[in-house]
């Protein structure tokens, strides 16, 4: 295998080439279309599920954009050992959505007020991000423990866990459940409309239309919802001109049991970042082995951790390197990291204006549900592809079956392991943690046959 892995698509602009400003802007906008909706959706989902105030949800959205801009700038510039130096785009990590909802709901049921809930969620996120920073220095050891089968299970469990969130929004959300309108004809009709529009555009030949399918589906659903009287603009009144980021706006509190859950997700998400960065190197026609590759990998994961530290301090959910942009590089032939500068500036500017973040809070739940149900299912499919790509021999089948059974089983009834000590129960009651930890344990305990040793060294990154 050569040091440089080439893809079928020829690059128009190589990694270190600088496209003209107009072409850089077009490339930046194309990348934004791929990440903008997935970037703001986690904050909207968490805000809706925890019934946070409109101001808090809007602030989460704004900080997600600003933190993503800062993270993208660090990745593409590569200051010293920080950053991959590739066109690596940062965005909110979907892995934390179900965890934040589960922890926040538990605190809410205990009677904690919104500000204390936010301070605790962001506090453990802030501390947990340093685990990713530390992981960047021991990546070779982690990659021997977390194989493609293990990472595939984690991605699969993330998708399966999120589908429940998407389908609840599809029917109208938690507010509709309270008002008795959940699953009525109007909510289901709007959700189905968005779903069909997204599917339709994803079947088109034009790469740009396929890439914009989710955004177009949301736009169509929003317009229809407006005419049906489902959109409430009252939250857009009396807005300040600019949102000023406030470090630890909600204070800082720390819960060790919550930290165990969040820390586990952080460690499991390291491999996602490794896969995304390697895939970016592949489509950018850069080495995926050797000194340069290891340096980019370490710098990219280090930046991932530092950006999540910054994001949590500002008031955003944790961030990670986004995989969607690898497809954009392949389709456009533009791998220039200088395009990332334009993306970073655009994100920061968008996040500074509160009207943008507040506007997204007016999107009705069925509109989000119609798009997110499909998107979350695609995450699960991605996990299945990773698992199958590594082969399903007897050993892998045992690991996948056991991890899926325990992880998915916990999602049906989290009380199954309530006899365990609280420090352990708080880990296994989350399906992602339960499935991921089971996969890691079995991967270490079940021995490899000699003829499987060679195949086991294949990195998940090469599969993408």
Protein backbone atom coordinates (compact mmCIF):
# COMPACT_ATOMS: atom_id res chain seq x y z
CA UNK A 1 0.00 0.00 0.00
CA UNK A 2 1.37 3.38 -0.97
CA UNK A 3 1.76 6.25 1.43
CA UNK A 4 -0.87 8.23 -0.44
CA UNK A 5 -4.34 6.78 -0.82
CA UNK A 6 -6.04 8.23 -3.89
CA UNK A 7 -9.75 8.38 -4.46
CA UNK A 8 -11.70 8.07 -7.67
CA UNK A 9 -12.36 11.81 -7.80
CA UNK A 10 -9.66 14.19 -9.01
CA UNK A 11 -9.06 17.22 -6.84
CA UNK A 12 -9.45 20.63 -8.42
CA UNK A 13 -7.73 22.32 -5.48
CA UNK A 14 -5.21 20.40 -3.38
CA UNK A 15 -4.86 20.79 0.37
CA UNK A 16 -2.37 23.69 0.30
CA UNK A 17 -3.73 25.50 -2.78
CA UNK A 18 -5.67 28.75 -2.42
CA UNK A 19 -8.78 29.04 -4.61
CA UNK A 20 -9.95 32.51 -5.74
CA UNK A 21 -12.18 34.29 -3.23
CA UNK A 22 -15.39 33.72 -5.21
CA UNK A 23 -14.72 29.99 -5.51
CA UNK A 24 -13.74 29.81 -1.84
CA UNK A 25 -17.06 31.41 -0.91
CA UNK A 26 -19.01 28.96 -3.05
CA UNK A 27 -17.09 26.05 -1.51
CA UNK A 28 -17.68 27.39 2.00
CA UNK A 29 -21.43 27.78 1.42
CA UNK A 30 -21.59 24.24 0.02
CA UNK A 31 -19.98 22.88 3.19
CA UNK A 32 -22.32 24.95 5.35
CA UNK A 33 -25.33 23.42 3.58
CA UNK A 34 -24.04 20.00 4.59
CA UNK A 35 -23.58 20.80 8.30
CA UNK A 36 -25.85 23.72 9.20
CA UNK A 37 -29.01 21.75 9.98
CA UNK A 38 -27.20 18.91 11.85
CA UNK A 39 -25.21 21.55 13.74
CA UNK A 40 -28.20 23.41 15.22
CA UNK A 41 -30.52 20.40 15.58
CA UNK A 42 -28.90 18.86 18.73
CA UNK A 43 -29.49 22.06 20.71
CA UNK A 44 -33.09 22.20 19.49
CA UNK A 45 -33.69 18.55 20.38
CA UNK A 46 -32.20 18.90 23.87
CA UNK A 47 -34.03 22.19 24.44
CA UNK A 48 -37.36 20.68 23.42
CA UNK A 49 -36.90 17.41 25.33
CA UNK A 50 -35.90 19.20 28.56
CA UNK A 51 -38.50 21.95 27.97
CA UNK A 52 -35.88 24.66 28.31
CA UNK A 53 -36.85 28.30 27.90
CA UNK A 54 -36.72 29.85 24.45
CA UNK A 55 -33.85 32.10 25.53
CA UNK A 56 -31.76 29.17 26.75
CA UNK A 57 -32.38 27.08 23.63
CA UNK A 58 -31.58 30.03 21.35
CA UNK A 59 -28.36 30.68 23.29
CA UNK A 60 -27.36 27.02 22.87
CA UNK A 61 -27.89 27.32 19.12
CA UNK A 62 -25.88 30.55 18.87
CA UNK A 63 -23.00 29.16 20.91
CA UNK A 64 -22.99 25.99 18.80
CA UNK A 65 -22.36 28.10 15.70
CA UNK A 66 -19.66 30.23 17.35
CA UNK A 67 -17.89 27.20 18.86
CA UNK A 68 -18.05 25.37 15.53
CA UNK A 69 -16.45 28.39 13.85
CA UNK A 70 -13.67 28.57 16.43
CA UNK A 71 -13.08 24.81 16.17
CA UNK A 72 -12.96 24.84 12.37
CA UNK A 73 -10.44 27.71 12.46
CA UNK A 74 -8.18 25.74 14.84
CA UNK A 75 -8.41 22.58 12.72
CA UNK A 76 -7.60 24.14 9.35
CA UNK A 77 -4.86 26.47 10.63
CA UNK A 78 -3.03 23.89 12.73
CA UNK A 79 -1.33 26.01 15.37
CA UNK A 80 1.76 24.01 16.37
CA UNK A 81 0.51 20.55 17.36
CA UNK A 82 -3.13 21.66 17.55
CA UNK A 83 -5.31 20.87 14.56
CA UNK A 84 -5.25 18.39 11.69
CA UNK A 85 -4.24 20.93 9.04
CA UNK A 86 -6.97 19.40 6.84
CA UNK A 87 -10.34 20.75 5.75
CA UNK A 88 -11.83 19.36 8.98
CA UNK A 89 -15.11 21.02 9.91
CA UNK A 90 -16.23 21.03 13.55
CA UNK A 91 -19.85 20.66 14.56
CA UNK A 92 -21.97 19.52 17.49
CA UNK A 93 -21.54 15.85 18.42
CA UNK A 94 -24.82 13.92 18.13
CA UNK A 95 -23.45 11.28 20.51
CA UNK A 96 -24.25 13.52 23.48
CA UNK A 97 -27.90 14.27 22.63
CA UNK A 98 -29.49 11.25 24.32
CA UNK A 99 -27.05 11.48 27.23
CA UNK A 100 -27.86 15.14 27.89
CA UNK A 101 -31.59 14.43 27.64
CA UNK A 102 -31.35 11.46 30.02
CA UNK A 103 -29.24 13.31 32.61
CA UNK A 104 -31.25 16.52 32.29
CA UNK A 105 -34.58 14.69 32.61
CA UNK A 106 -33.32 12.93 35.73
CA UNK A 107 -32.35 16.25 37.32
CA UNK A 108 -35.64 17.81 36.22
CA UNK A 109 -37.61 15.02 37.87
CA UNK A 110 -35.63 15.68 41.06
CA UNK A 111 -36.95 19.23 41.04
CA UNK A 112 -33.81 21.06 39.91
CA UNK A 113 -34.37 24.36 38.12
CA UNK A 114 -33.20 25.08 34.60
CA UNK A 115 -30.09 27.08 35.47
CA UNK A 116 -28.75 24.36 37.78
CA UNK A 117 -29.47 21.68 35.18
CA UNK A 118 -27.52 23.61 32.55
CA UNK A 119 -24.62 24.32 34.91
CA UNK A 120 -24.32 20.62 35.70
CA UNK A 121 -24.59 19.40 32.10
CA UNK A 122 -22.08 21.93 30.82
CA UNK A 123 -19.84 21.45 33.86
CA UNK A 124 -19.33 17.72 33.31
CA UNK A 125 -18.96 18.37 29.58
CA UNK A 126 -16.20 20.89 30.30
CA UNK A 127 -14.24 18.49 32.53
CA UNK A 128 -14.90 15.49 30.30
CA UNK A 129 -13.43 17.25 27.27
CA UNK A 130 -9.99 17.01 28.87
CA UNK A 131 -10.26 13.22 28.49
CA UNK A 132 -10.23 13.74 24.72
CA UNK A 133 -7.21 16.02 25.06
CA UNK A 134 -5.38 13.30 26.98
CA UNK A 135 -6.52 10.63 24.52
CA UNK A 136 -4.76 12.41 21.67
CA UNK A 137 -1.42 11.41 23.22
CA UNK A 138 -2.26 7.70 23.58
CA UNK A 139 -4.12 7.12 20.31
CA UNK A 140 -2.04 4.09 19.20
CA UNK A 141 -3.09 2.21 22.34
CA UNK A 142 -6.76 3.20 22.08
CA UNK A 143 -6.96 2.11 18.47
CA UNK A 144 -5.77 -1.36 19.40
CA UNK A 145 -8.57 -1.67 21.96
CA UNK A 146 -11.40 -0.06 20.00
CA UNK A 147 -11.65 -1.96 16.74
CA UNK A 148 -13.93 -1.27 13.75
CA UNK A 149 -16.47 -3.71 15.21
CA UNK A 150 -16.54 -1.81 18.49
CA UNK A 151 -16.82 1.61 16.85
CA UNK A 152 -19.52 0.32 14.50
CA UNK A 153 -21.58 -0.80 17.48
CA UNK A 154 -21.18 2.61 19.12
CA UNK A 155 -22.32 4.42 15.97
CA UNK A 156 -25.23 1.96 15.57
CA UNK A 157 -26.36 2.51 19.18
CA UNK A 158 -26.17 6.29 18.74
CA UNK A 159 -28.49 6.09 15.73
CA UNK A 160 -30.94 3.68 17.36
CA UNK A 161 -31.10 5.77 20.54
CA UNK A 162 -31.77 8.98 18.62
CA UNK A 163 -34.59 7.48 16.53
CA UNK A 164 -36.85 7.59 19.59
CA UNK A 165 -36.18 11.33 19.93
CA UNK A 166 -36.92 11.89 16.23
CA UNK A 167 -40.18 9.94 16.22
CA UNK A 168 -41.48 11.82 19.26
CA UNK A 169 -40.90 15.10 17.42
CA UNK A 170 -42.52 13.53 14.34
CA UNK A 171 -45.75 13.18 16.29
CA UNK A 172 -45.64 16.69 17.71
CA UNK A 173 -43.11 16.56 20.53
CA UNK A 174 -43.53 16.56 24.28
CA UNK A 175 -45.71 19.67 24.18
CA UNK A 176 -48.20 17.83 21.95
CA UNK A 177 -48.23 14.93 24.42
CA UNK A 178 -49.16 17.35 27.19
CA UNK A 179 -51.91 19.02 25.14
CA UNK A 180 -53.35 15.76 23.80
CA UNK A 181 -52.55 16.56 20.15
CA UNK A 182 -49.70 14.07 19.82
CA UNK A 183 -49.95 12.05 16.61
CA UNK A 184 -52.91 13.96 15.17
CA UNK A 185 -53.43 14.26 11.42
CA UNK A 186 -51.79 17.69 11.23
CA UNK A 187 -48.58 16.68 12.98
CA UNK A 188 -48.25 13.37 11.15
CA UNK A 189 -49.06 15.04 7.81
CA UNK A 190 -46.36 17.70 8.22
CA UNK A 191 -43.81 15.13 9.38
CA UNK A 192 -44.55 12.87 6.41
CA UNK A 193 -44.34 15.80 3.99
CA UNK A 194 -40.86 16.73 5.22
CA UNK A 195 -39.76 13.09 5.10
CA UNK A 196 -40.96 12.64 1.50
CA UNK A 197 -39.34 15.89 0.33
CA UNK A 198 -35.99 14.89 1.85
CA UNK A 199 -36.21 11.44 0.23
CA UNK A 200 -37.18 12.96 -3.11
CA UNK A 201 -34.26 15.37 -3.23
CA UNK A 202 -31.83 12.69 -2.13
CA UNK A 203 -32.87 10.63 -5.16
CA UNK A 204 -31.90 13.41 -7.60
CA UNK A 205 -28.78 13.33 -9.75
CA UNK A 206 -27.52 16.81 -8.85
CA UNK A 207 -24.99 16.58 -5.97
CA UNK A 208 -25.97 20.06 -4.79
CA UNK A 209 -29.68 19.17 -4.60
CA UNK A 210 -28.94 15.89 -2.83
CA UNK A 211 -26.74 17.70 -0.35
CA UNK A 212 -29.40 20.34 0.25
CA UNK A 213 -32.23 17.82 0.64
CA UNK A 214 -32.60 18.12 4.42
CA UNK A 215 -32.48 21.93 4.35
CA UNK A 216 -35.08 22.05 1.53
CA UNK A 217 -37.30 19.56 3.37
CA UNK A 218 -37.20 21.69 6.51
CA UNK A 219 -37.96 24.82 4.49
CA UNK A 220 -40.98 23.21 2.79
CA UNK A 221 -42.26 21.89 6.10
CA UNK A 222 -41.77 25.27 7.75
CA UNK A 223 -43.72 27.10 5.05
CA UNK A 224 -46.61 24.61 5.24
CA UNK A 225 -46.60 24.80 9.04
CA UNK A 226 -46.76 28.58 8.81
CA UNK A 227 -49.93 28.47 6.73
CA UNK A 228 -51.40 25.90 9.11
CA UNK A 229 -50.82 28.28 12.03
CA UNK A 230 -48.25 26.06 13.72
CA UNK A 231 -45.43 28.67 13.85
CA UNK A 232 -45.19 31.04 16.79
CA UNK A 233 -43.10 34.18 16.18
CA UNK A 234 -43.64 35.70 19.62
CA UNK A 235 -40.15 34.65 20.72
CA UNK A 236 -38.57 36.88 18.05
CA UNK A 237 -39.71 40.13 19.67
CA UNK A 238 -37.41 42.50 21.54
CA UNK A 239 -34.18 40.72 20.65
CA UNK A 240 -30.76 42.25 21.33
CA UNK A 241 -28.70 43.06 18.25
CA UNK A 242 -25.78 40.78 19.14
CA UNK A 243 -25.40 37.69 21.31
CA UNK A 244 -22.35 38.18 23.52
CA UNK A 245 -20.77 34.85 24.55
CA UNK A 246 -20.62 34.59 28.34
CA UNK A 247 -18.26 31.96 29.76
CA UNK A 248 -20.10 29.79 32.28
CA UNK A 249 -23.27 31.79 31.80
CA UNK A 250 -25.25 29.31 33.91
CA UNK A 251 -22.54 28.80 36.52
CA UNK A 252 -20.44 25.70 37.08
CA UNK A 253 -21.39 22.57 38.99
CA UNK A 254 -20.01 19.05 38.87
CA UNK A 255 -21.60 15.67 39.51
CA UNK A 256 -19.26 12.67 39.51
CA UNK A 257 -21.90 10.13 38.48
CA UNK A 258 -22.90 12.30 35.53
CA UNK A 259 -19.24 12.70 34.68
CA UNK A 260 -18.83 8.92 34.39
CA UNK A 261 -21.51 8.80 31.69
CA UNK A 262 -20.34 11.87 29.80
CA UNK A 263 -16.69 10.82 30.10
CA UNK A 264 -17.46 7.42 28.64
CA UNK A 265 -19.20 9.00 25.65
CA UNK A 266 -16.22 11.32 25.17
CA UNK A 267 -13.83 8.36 25.05
CA UNK A 268 -16.06 6.42 22.68
CA UNK A 269 -16.37 9.47 20.43
CA UNK A 270 -12.59 9.68 20.06
CA UNK A 271 -12.70 6.87 17.53
CA UNK A 272 -15.37 8.70 15.54
CA UNK A 273 -12.99 11.64 15.29
CA UNK A 274 -10.15 9.34 14.26
CA UNK A 275 -12.30 7.88 11.50
CA UNK A 276 -13.46 11.26 10.25
CA UNK A 277 -9.95 12.73 10.16
CA UNK A 278 -8.56 9.70 8.35
CA UNK A 279 -11.39 9.83 5.83
CA UNK A 280 -10.62 13.52 5.24
CA UNK A 281 -6.96 12.67 4.65
CA UNK A 282 -8.00 9.98 2.17
CA UNK A 283 -10.29 12.20 0.08
CA UNK A 284 -7.68 14.98 0.27
CA UNK A 285 -5.10 12.54 -1.17
CA UNK A 286 -2.81 12.75 1.85
CA UNK A 287 -1.07 9.83 3.62
CA UNK A 288 -3.13 7.58 5.88
CA UNK A 289 -0.06 6.05 7.48
CA UNK A 290 3.34 7.27 8.51
CA UNK A 291 4.63 10.29 10.40
CA UNK A 292 2.55 12.95 8.65
CA UNK A 293 -0.66 11.01 9.17
CA UNK A 294 0.02 10.31 12.86
CA UNK A 295 0.83 13.98 13.39
CA UNK A 296 -2.42 15.10 11.74
CA UNK A 297 -4.39 12.54 13.70
CA UNK A 298 -2.94 13.58 17.03
CA UNK A 299 -3.44 17.28 16.26
CA UNK A 300 -7.00 16.74 15.06
CA UNK A 301 -8.11 14.82 18.15
CA UNK A 302 -6.28 17.31 20.39
CA UNK A 303 -8.18 20.14 18.69
CA UNK A 304 -11.41 18.17 19.14
CA UNK A 305 -10.85 18.07 22.89
CA UNK A 306 -9.80 21.71 23.22
CA UNK A 307 -12.77 22.87 21.14
CA UNK A 308 -15.17 20.93 23.38
CA UNK A 309 -13.55 22.63 26.38
CA UNK A 310 -14.22 26.02 24.76
CA UNK A 311 -17.71 25.03 23.61
CA UNK A 312 -18.78 23.79 27.05
CA UNK A 313 -17.43 26.95 28.68
CA UNK A 314 -19.36 29.15 26.24
CA UNK A 315 -22.61 27.20 26.63
CA UNK A 316 -22.65 24.77 23.70
CA UNK A 317 -22.94 21.00 23.56
CA UNK A 318 -19.60 19.22 22.88
CA UNK A 319 -18.20 19.31 19.35
CA UNK A 320 -16.46 16.85 17.04
CA UNK A 321 -15.09 16.63 13.50
CA UNK A 322 -17.96 16.16 11.05
CA UNK A 323 -17.97 13.27 8.54
CA UNK A 324 -20.49 14.84 6.14
CA UNK A 325 -17.89 17.21 4.74
CA UNK A 326 -15.80 14.37 3.36
CA UNK A 327 -18.54 13.75 0.82
CA UNK A 328 -18.52 17.45 -0.08
CA UNK A 329 -14.77 17.31 -0.77
CA UNK A 330 -15.28 14.31 -3.05
CA UNK A 331 -18.17 15.89 -4.95
CA UNK A 332 -16.64 19.35 -5.39
CA UNK A 333 -12.98 18.35 -5.80
CA UNK A 334 -11.99 21.13 -3.38
CA UNK A 335 -9.78 19.94 -0.51
CA UNK A 336 -8.12 23.30 0.18
CA UNK A 337 -7.93 23.97 3.89
CA UNK A 338 -8.08 27.70 3.17
CA UNK A 339 -11.78 27.31 2.35
CA UNK A 340 -12.14 26.36 6.02
CA UNK A 341 -11.23 29.92 7.01
CA UNK A 342 -14.30 31.25 5.19
CA UNK A 343 -16.47 28.58 6.82
CA UNK A 344 -15.16 29.46 10.28
CA UNK A 345 -15.78 33.19 9.85
CA UNK A 346 -19.29 32.61 8.49
CA UNK A 347 -20.20 30.42 11.46
CA UNK A 348 -18.92 32.90 14.03
CA UNK A 349 -20.75 35.81 12.38
CA UNK A 350 -24.01 33.83 12.18
CA UNK A 351 -23.74 32.87 15.83
CA UNK A 352 -23.30 36.46 17.00
CA UNK A 353 -26.75 37.48 15.83
CA UNK A 354 -29.42 36.21 18.28
CA UNK A 355 -32.21 36.42 15.73
CA UNK A 356 -30.70 33.48 13.85
CA UNK A 357 -30.56 31.24 16.89
CA UNK A 358 -34.01 32.33 18.05
CA UNK A 359 -35.48 31.74 14.59
CA UNK A 360 -34.57 28.06 14.72
CA UNK A 361 -36.58 27.69 17.93
CA UNK A 362 -39.73 28.55 15.96
CA UNK A 363 -39.43 25.40 13.81
CA UNK A 364 -42.37 23.13 14.78
CA UNK A 365 -41.49 19.72 16.21
CA UNK A 366 -43.11 17.68 13.37
CA UNK A 367 -40.92 19.53 10.84
CA UNK A 368 -37.78 18.57 12.75
CA UNK A 369 -39.08 15.06 13.35
CA UNK A 370 -39.71 14.41 9.66
CA UNK A 371 -36.08 15.17 8.78
CA UNK A 372 -34.41 13.86 11.93
CA UNK A 373 -36.07 10.44 11.88
CA UNK A 374 -34.42 9.76 8.52
CA UNK A 375 -31.11 11.35 9.54
CA UNK A 376 -30.87 9.33 12.75
CA UNK A 377 -31.71 6.14 10.86
CA UNK A 378 -28.87 6.92 8.46
CA UNK A 379 -26.51 7.12 11.46
CA UNK A 380 -27.59 3.61 12.44
CA UNK A 381 -27.04 2.41 8.85
CA UNK A 382 -23.53 3.91 8.95
CA UNK A 383 -22.82 1.83 12.04
CA UNK A 384 -24.04 -1.31 10.28
CA UNK A 385 -21.81 -0.56 7.28
CA UNK A 386 -18.76 -0.23 9.54
CA UNK A 387 -19.56 -3.54 11.25
CA UNK A 388 -20.12 -5.40 7.97
CA UNK A 389 -17.03 -3.88 6.35
CA UNK A 390 -14.89 -5.45 9.06
CA UNK A 391 -16.49 -8.84 8.49
CA UNK A 392 -18.96 -10.81 10.57
CA UNK A 393 -17.03 -13.89 11.54
CA UNK A 394 -18.14 -15.92 14.55
CA UNK A 395 -16.18 -13.76 16.99
CA UNK A 396 -17.54 -10.48 15.59
CA UNK A 397 -21.08 -11.88 15.48
CA UNK A 398 -20.91 -12.74 19.18
CA UNK A 399 -19.64 -9.25 20.05
CA UNK A 400 -22.24 -7.48 17.92
CA UNK A 401 -25.16 -9.65 19.07
CA UNK A 402 -24.33 -9.37 22.78
CA UNK A 403 -23.63 -5.62 22.66
CA UNK A 404 -26.74 -4.89 20.63
CA UNK A 405 -28.89 -7.07 22.85
CA UNK A 406 -27.73 -5.43 26.08
CA UNK A 407 -27.54 -1.89 24.68
CA UNK A 408 -30.92 -1.95 22.96
CA UNK A 409 -32.44 -3.89 25.85
CA UNK A 410 -31.39 -1.17 28.29
CA UNK A 411 -33.17 1.42 26.11
CA UNK A 412 -36.41 -0.57 26.53
CA UNK A 413 -36.14 -0.79 30.32
CA UNK A 414 -33.22 1.06 32.00
CA UNK A 415 -34.22 -0.36 35.41
CA UNK A 416 -32.90 -3.82 34.49
CA UNK A 417 -29.52 -3.14 36.13
CA UNK A 418 -30.75 -1.01 39.05
CA UNK A 419 -29.29 -3.52 41.57
CA UNK A 420 -25.81 -2.34 40.60
CA UNK A 421 -23.99 0.33 42.65
CA UNK A 422 -24.97 3.86 41.59
CA UNK A 423 -21.54 4.55 40.06
CA UNK A 424 -21.99 1.57 37.71
CA UNK A 425 -25.73 1.88 37.14
CA UNK A 426 -25.38 5.44 35.88
CA UNK A 427 -23.16 4.03 33.10
CA UNK A 428 -25.14 1.00 31.99
CA UNK A 429 -28.56 2.67 32.08
CA UNK A 430 -27.53 4.58 28.95
CA UNK A 431 -27.84 2.35 25.84
CA UNK A 432 -24.81 3.88 24.10
CA UNK A 433 -22.60 3.31 27.14
CA UNK A 434 -24.03 -0.16 27.77
CA UNK A 435 -23.53 -1.30 24.18
CA UNK A 436 -20.12 0.36 23.77
CA UNK A 437 -18.66 -0.89 27.05
CA UNK A 438 -19.95 -4.41 26.37
CA UNK A 439 -18.31 -4.36 22.93
CA UNK A 440 -14.98 -3.17 24.37
CA UNK A 441 -15.02 -5.81 27.13
CA UNK A 442 -15.85 -8.65 24.74
CA UNK A 443 -13.27 -7.43 22.23
CA UNK A 444 -10.62 -7.78 24.95
CA UNK A 445 -11.91 -11.09 26.36
CA UNK A 446 -12.69 -13.11 23.24
CA UNK A 447 -9.38 -14.14 21.63
CA UNK A 448 -8.59 -13.76 17.94
CA UNK A 449 -7.63 -16.75 15.83
CA UNK A 450 -4.26 -16.47 14.11
CA UNK A 451 -5.80 -16.01 10.69
CA UNK A 452 -7.76 -13.06 12.07
CA UNK A 453 -4.79 -11.25 13.63
CA UNK A 454 -3.82 -9.52 10.40
CA UNK A 455 -7.33 -8.35 9.59
CA UNK A 456 -7.79 -7.04 13.12
CA UNK A 457 -5.14 -4.39 12.58
CA UNK A 458 -7.26 -2.68 9.93
CA UNK A 459 -8.32 0.73 11.19
CA UNK A 460 -11.90 1.93 11.10
CA UNK A 461 -10.59 4.97 9.33
CA UNK A 462 -9.73 3.01 6.19
CA UNK A 463 -13.28 1.70 6.05
CA UNK A 464 -14.70 5.14 5.52
